[in-house]
Every structure is written in structure tokens, then in C-alpha cells.
Amino acid sequence: MKRLRIEHSTGFAYQGDVSASYNEARMLPTSTDSQFVLSSGLEIEPSTTVNSYVDYFGTRVSAFDVLSPHSDLTITARSLVEVRPRPLPHIDITWDALAAEAARSIGTVEQLVQTARTRPHPEVAEIARAIAAQHDHPGTAARAIAEAIGDAVEYMHGVTGVHSTASEAWEARKGVCQDLAHVTLGALREVGIPARYVSGYLHPRPSAEVGVAVTGESHAWVEWFAGDWQGFDPTNNIEIGDRHVLVGRGRDYNDVPPLRGVYAGPFKSQLRVKVTITREA
């Protein structure tokens, strides 16, 4: 088990005064069966009131408005979380049993539907079907599919954008964690495996020293349903462990962006983002 302190700061510098802004932040983790939130909070400058709620997918949302003129906006989320390893269980569910089980719940049925962001490239769909045909159990097929995507797509900044689709990332064979998650989701859903997008944080150093702050970033991975929900990180081709801190889940990135909002003011703004993660135990 690791205890991780996370500080995620997002800021906007506007070219002039903004008269009002309306925002939603999904930057604070929630306690689950594999992580426990010891403390968490959001700091906003200019100071304002925050209304918190849990959205449809179970993600903590902090909604806030800044109604006084401002030329700069900074949102800082601070969390202290204890995380334990989450090894993939071996579940011998059959394809027919999975289809029957998935049909019983809205939570699984809706994670079978492709979105504009996850719809797979024909080559990805063919790869997924070929791998699935080699496995009697969907869980082992899901891992093989995720690993194949992780091997085929190179992690690289600057090739794709925040609005890129799985098909576009596949054609480039390059992208960031968001893209690898979308490609993997499309492949899994193609063969009838419910799969959902997960946003959070990843400590970048497996053997991190206690007390040493390192630069991190928001991360994304996937969870698939094969009798139970199981997580996997296709970007690094590893199981979800005690370096992963879960923030939110959804059908794709659109359901769990760290920050979403609108404002009235100058068209152009400069974004700055900084994530620092410290292992405390």
C-alpha cells in the first residue's frame, strides 16, 4: 500500500478581464474498495463558493462560478490518498454468460455502446475480433486486446489533441493516455466486452522514495467487465496498482474532463497545468 499526496493546479491567464466564468472540476478522488481518501479539497483564486455533488457515473464534481471581473483563474486540487494493489482476478466466465450478465444492468449495457471518441478503426475492430476468437474467456481476451493496443500505439505528446478520436490516434499509431484508452475501449466494445474510461493520476516512478515530490500528470486507463470490473493501463501495459489514483469513470473522456467551463471575455487565454505527486508512505 502507498500513501500519495497529489497537488493538481490548473490556471488560465486571459488577455483582459473576464466578466464571469462558470466551471465544473473533476479533480478530486473518491474512496473505493482499493483506495481511501484521507483528505481532499479544492482551492480557487479568485475565491468563490463551491457546490459539490456526485454525478451519474459516481465522480465527484465541484461546480463554481466566478462572477467578479478577473484576468486570471487558478484551481488547485489537493488530495492525500492511500492506495493498494488491484490484481486482475481470474474469472472463468464464458462469452455467452457475459452477454447474459451484461444485459442485466444499465451500468454494463451503456458501456457496450461506441461513442464518437471510441468508435474503432476497421483495423482495430479486426484485431479485436481475431484476438477474441482465440480465447474461451472474455477476461483473458480483454487483457490480450489491451496489450495489443498498448504495443501498437506509441505514447507521444503533440500528435493528437484533446478532441482526437480513437480512429485518428490509430491511424497515427501515436497518442497520449487518453488516446490509448479510447482505442482500447473501442476494441473491447467491438467484441461485446463492456468497458469504461477511467481518469485519475499515476505516480511515474515505481520505486519512488518517500517524501520526494515528482512531476506527474493526469492519467487515463480502462476497466472492463468480465464477470466483475477489472482495470488495466494500456499506456504502460500494466495492471492497475498502488501508483494509480482513480478520480472518475465514464463512457469516454467527455464524461470526466478535469475541468470544463465557459466564460464571458477575451477570446484567447493561456492554459497552465502542473501536477505534483509525493509518496508519503
Foldseek 3Di string as FASTA:
>chain_A
DFKKKKKKKKKKAAPFKFQKKKKKFLADFDDDPFKHWPDKDKAKPVDWDWDWDADPQGFIITITMDRHIDRMIMMMMITIMFGFFDDDDDDAFFPVRLLVVLVVDPVQVVLLDADQQQAEDPVLQVVLVVLVVVDRALVVSLLVSLQVLLVQAAEDPDPDDPPHHLHSSNVVSYYHQQNSQSPSSNSSSSSPWRKKKWKWWFDPDPPDDAPDKDWTDIHIWMWTDRPHTATARSNVSGGDGRRTGTRGIDSGCVVHPRMDMDTGDHPDMDMDMTMMMGTHD
